[in-house]
């Protein structure tokens, strides 16, 4: 899952970014509304966590533009005002969900995951491929009942591949969905992560390379 956090308070934005990264998400940050809109139009974010009161370009304007130009991007709007009128206003602008400040981080995570699940075709709560099971909510992987300990990026790659249900996923798509904007597009990180993932999952291999195209389970 790739998430953009648009928050002008550095302590809040940095803390939320660290927390979501610990949850296995790829996270980018924008400190003002103009930067948030540029980033959101340039990359395929699953969810934009959007503070309503942003400098340069107000969060309302960012939300309105995203609803018009990137309708598939889910928006979770944050605001210091928690009244019913504010909720109605935010949803009317095109936000998909609304969370008043201060909020509990666990609730932010749950709402972000719920919004991301609305993208694309519905999928089961636990992903399976042969004897491999992945529970995204618990961030847990087992093979034949044995727990497999994975690093956050390894688990995220496996989730994308298993969610594709046998279709091929290219390395560029994995970079877009699992890593943030700071990743070098010419890196061999995807190949190395897949190699480590295969080793940890054991034999027989679960992830197969499709030469010139990418990977599939």
Protein backbone atom coordinates (compact mmCIF):
# COMPACT_ATOMS: atom_id res chain seq x y z
CA UNK A 1 0.00 0.00 0.00
CA UNK A 2 1.31 3.44 -0.94
CA UNK A 3 0.19 6.42 1.13
CA UNK A 4 0.72 10.19 0.86
CA UNK A 5 0.55 12.20 4.08
CA UNK A 6 -0.23 15.89 3.56
CA UNK A 7 0.48 17.54 6.92
CA UNK A 8 2.16 20.88 7.63
CA UNK A 9 3.00 20.13 11.27
CA UNK A 10 6.39 18.35 11.03
CA UNK A 11 6.06 16.45 14.30
CA UNK A 12 2.64 15.10 13.40
CA UNK A 13 3.55 14.25 9.82
CA UNK A 14 6.84 12.57 10.73
CA UNK A 15 5.26 10.56 13.54
CA UNK A 16 2.41 9.32 11.34
CA UNK A 17 4.86 8.46 8.53
CA UNK A 18 7.07 6.43 10.89
CA UNK A 19 4.08 4.59 12.27
CA UNK A 20 2.62 3.71 8.87
CA UNK A 21 6.01 2.53 7.63
CA UNK A 22 6.20 0.19 10.62
CA UNK A 23 2.87 -1.17 9.38
CA UNK A 24 4.52 -2.05 6.07
CA UNK A 25 3.22 0.85 4.02
CA UNK A 26 5.20 2.97 1.56
CA UNK A 27 4.81 6.57 2.72
CA UNK A 28 5.58 9.94 1.15
CA UNK A 29 5.19 13.33 2.86
CA UNK A 30 3.98 16.72 1.65
CA UNK A 31 4.22 19.82 3.87
CA UNK A 32 1.73 22.01 2.00
CA UNK A 33 -1.28 21.67 -0.25
CA UNK A 34 0.45 22.59 -3.50
CA UNK A 35 3.12 19.92 -2.95
CA UNK A 36 0.47 17.39 -1.94
CA UNK A 37 -1.48 17.92 -5.15
CA UNK A 38 1.66 17.66 -7.32
CA UNK A 39 2.66 14.40 -5.68
CA UNK A 40 -0.85 12.93 -5.72
CA UNK A 41 -1.22 13.61 -9.45
CA UNK A 42 2.22 12.19 -10.25
CA UNK A 43 2.10 8.86 -8.39
CA UNK A 44 -0.50 6.10 -7.90
CA UNK A 45 -1.31 6.49 -4.19
CA UNK A 46 -3.85 4.14 -2.67
CA UNK A 47 -4.73 6.62 0.08
CA UNK A 48 -4.02 10.32 0.69
CA UNK A 49 -4.13 11.29 4.38
CA UNK A 50 -5.02 14.95 3.94
CA UNK A 51 -4.96 17.63 6.62
CA UNK A 52 -7.70 20.10 5.85
CA UNK A 53 -5.90 23.26 6.97
CA UNK A 54 -2.83 23.27 4.71
CA UNK A 55 -0.77 26.30 3.59
CA UNK A 56 -0.18 27.26 -0.06
CA UNK A 57 -3.28 25.37 -1.22
CA UNK A 58 -6.10 24.60 1.20
CA UNK A 59 -6.93 20.96 1.83
CA UNK A 60 -10.45 21.53 0.51
CA UNK A 61 -9.00 22.57 -2.86
CA UNK A 62 -6.64 19.58 -2.89
CA UNK A 63 -9.52 17.24 -2.15
CA UNK A 64 -11.72 18.80 -4.83
CA UNK A 65 -8.95 18.53 -7.44
CA UNK A 66 -8.21 14.90 -6.59
CA UNK A 67 -11.89 13.98 -6.82
CA UNK A 68 -11.95 15.45 -10.33
CA UNK A 69 -8.57 14.31 -11.65
CA UNK A 70 -7.72 11.16 -9.66
CA UNK A 71 -11.11 9.71 -8.66
CA UNK A 72 -9.61 6.32 -7.83
CA UNK A 73 -7.44 7.80 -5.06
CA UNK A 74 -9.05 7.48 -1.64
CA UNK A 75 -8.85 10.52 0.64
CA UNK A 76 -8.86 10.40 4.44
CA UNK A 77 -9.36 13.97 5.61
CA UNK A 78 -7.95 15.13 8.95
CA UNK A 79 -9.15 18.24 10.72
CA UNK A 80 -9.04 19.90 14.11
CA UNK A 81 -12.80 20.55 13.79
CA UNK A 82 -14.90 17.49 14.59
CA UNK A 83 -18.44 18.78 14.20
CA UNK A 84 -21.11 17.17 12.05
CA UNK A 85 -21.09 20.14 9.66
CA UNK A 86 -17.34 19.71 9.11
CA UNK A 87 -17.84 16.00 8.43
CA UNK A 88 -20.57 16.75 5.90
CA UNK A 89 -18.45 19.45 4.23
CA UNK A 90 -15.43 17.15 3.94
CA UNK A 91 -17.41 14.29 2.42
CA UNK A 92 -19.17 16.67 0.04
CA UNK A 93 -15.80 17.81 -1.29
CA UNK A 94 -14.97 14.25 -2.30
CA UNK A 95 -13.25 12.85 0.79
CA UNK A 96 -13.90 9.15 1.39
CA UNK A 97 -13.48 9.29 5.16
CA UNK A 98 -13.00 11.88 7.87
CA UNK A 99 -11.02 11.78 11.12
CA UNK A 100 -10.98 14.63 13.68
CA UNK A 101 -7.80 15.56 15.57
CA UNK A 102 -6.56 14.41 17.98
CA UNK A 103 -6.92 10.82 16.81
CA UNK A 104 -5.72 7.45 17.95
CA UNK A 105 -3.03 6.06 15.68
CA UNK A 106 -4.62 2.58 15.64
CA UNK A 107 -7.81 4.13 14.26
CA UNK A 108 -5.87 5.97 11.57
CA UNK A 109 -4.24 2.70 10.50
CA UNK A 110 -7.58 0.85 10.45
CA UNK A 111 -9.28 3.57 8.41
CA UNK A 112 -6.35 3.78 5.97
CA UNK A 113 -6.42 0.03 5.39
CA UNK A 114 -10.20 0.04 4.99
CA UNK A 115 -10.00 2.75 2.32
CA UNK A 116 -7.25 0.93 0.45
CA UNK A 117 -9.38 -2.22 0.34
CA UNK A 118 -12.03 -0.32 -1.61
CA UNK A 119 -9.64 0.03 -4.56
CA UNK A 120 -9.90 -2.69 -7.19
CA UNK A 121 -11.77 -5.97 -6.94
CA UNK A 122 -12.81 -7.32 -3.53
CA UNK A 123 -10.44 -9.85 -2.06
CA UNK A 124 -10.60 -12.26 0.88
CA UNK A 125 -9.37 -11.12 4.32
CA UNK A 126 -6.69 -13.85 4.28
CA UNK A 127 -4.72 -14.40 1.06
CA UNK A 128 -3.71 -17.95 0.12
CA UNK A 129 -1.38 -19.49 -2.45
CA UNK A 130 -0.96 -23.23 -2.02
CA UNK A 131 0.05 -23.79 1.59
CA UNK A 132 1.05 -20.12 2.11
CA UNK A 133 -1.34 -17.85 3.99
CA UNK A 134 -1.01 -14.10 4.50
CA UNK A 135 -3.22 -12.16 6.90
CA UNK A 136 -2.75 -8.45 6.00
CA UNK A 137 -4.55 -7.18 9.11
CA UNK A 138 -2.29 -9.15 11.48
CA UNK A 139 0.80 -8.76 9.24
CA UNK A 140 1.30 -12.51 9.60
CA UNK A 141 2.51 -15.15 7.13
CA UNK A 142 2.47 -18.93 7.54
CA UNK A 143 3.49 -21.83 5.33
CA UNK A 144 1.99 -25.23 6.07
CA UNK A 145 1.10 -23.85 9.49
CA UNK A 146 4.66 -22.64 10.20
CA UNK A 147 5.16 -18.94 10.96
CA UNK A 148 7.40 -17.18 8.43
CA UNK A 149 9.13 -14.08 9.79
CA UNK A 150 9.35 -11.39 7.11
CA UNK A 151 10.68 -7.85 7.05
CA UNK A 152 8.04 -5.18 6.27
CA UNK A 153 9.06 -4.76 2.63
CA UNK A 154 9.22 -8.52 2.09
CA UNK A 155 5.73 -8.88 3.48
CA UNK A 156 4.48 -5.99 1.36
CA UNK A 157 5.92 -7.53 -1.83
CA UNK A 158 4.32 -10.87 -0.98
CA UNK A 159 0.98 -9.16 -0.33
CA UNK A 160 1.04 -7.47 -3.75
CA UNK A 161 1.97 -10.72 -5.51
CA UNK A 162 -0.62 -12.82 -3.71
CA UNK A 163 -3.25 -10.13 -4.19
CA UNK A 164 -2.63 -10.33 -7.95
CA UNK A 165 -4.00 -13.91 -7.83
CA UNK A 166 -1.62 -15.48 -10.34
CA UNK A 167 -1.26 -12.57 -12.75
CA UNK A 168 2.21 -11.21 -13.47
CA UNK A 169 3.39 -8.17 -11.50
CA UNK A 170 6.25 -6.20 -13.04
CA UNK A 171 9.17 -4.81 -11.03
CA UNK A 172 8.09 -1.23 -11.81
CA UNK A 173 4.66 -1.91 -10.33
CA UNK A 174 6.24 -3.38 -7.20
CA UNK A 175 8.43 -0.28 -6.85
CA UNK A 176 5.37 1.95 -7.14
CA UNK A 177 3.28 0.01 -4.63
CA UNK A 178 5.85 -1.01 -2.01
CA UNK A 179 8.56 1.69 -1.98
CA UNK A 180 8.25 5.45 -1.55
CA UNK A 181 9.40 8.26 -3.83
CA UNK A 182 12.97 8.16 -2.45
CA UNK A 183 13.76 4.82 -4.11
CA UNK A 184 16.18 4.80 -7.05
CA UNK A 185 14.17 3.59 -10.09
CA UNK A 186 17.27 1.78 -11.37
CA UNK A 187 17.89 -0.12 -8.15
CA UNK A 188 17.98 -3.90 -7.91
CA UNK A 189 16.07 -3.73 -4.62
CA UNK A 190 13.04 -5.55 -6.03
CA UNK A 191 15.12 -8.48 -7.29
CA UNK A 192 17.03 -8.77 -4.02
CA UNK A 193 13.84 -8.58 -1.95
CA UNK A 194 12.20 -11.31 -4.03
CA UNK A 195 15.32 -13.50 -3.65
CA UNK A 196 15.24 -13.14 0.14
CA UNK A 197 11.50 -13.75 0.18
CA UNK A 198 11.87 -16.97 -1.79
CA UNK A 199 14.56 -18.20 0.60
CA UNK A 200 12.45 -17.50 3.67
CA UNK A 201 9.36 -19.15 2.19
CA UNK A 202 11.35 -22.28 1.33
CA UNK A 203 10.70 -25.05 -1.19
CA UNK A 204 8.88 -25.73 -3.39
CA UNK A 205 9.12 -22.16 -4.73
CA UNK A 206 6.00 -20.02 -4.39
CA UNK A 207 7.18 -17.01 -6.41
CA UNK A 208 8.04 -17.60 -10.05
CA UNK A 209 9.95 -15.29 -12.39
CA UNK A 210 8.36 -14.58 -15.77
CA UNK A 211 11.35 -13.61 -17.88
CA UNK A 212 11.09 -10.08 -19.20
CA UNK A 213 7.79 -9.44 -17.42
CA UNK A 214 8.05 -9.81 -13.65
CA UNK A 215 6.86 -12.19 -10.95
CA UNK A 216 3.78 -14.18 -10.02
CA UNK A 217 2.64 -16.69 -7.41
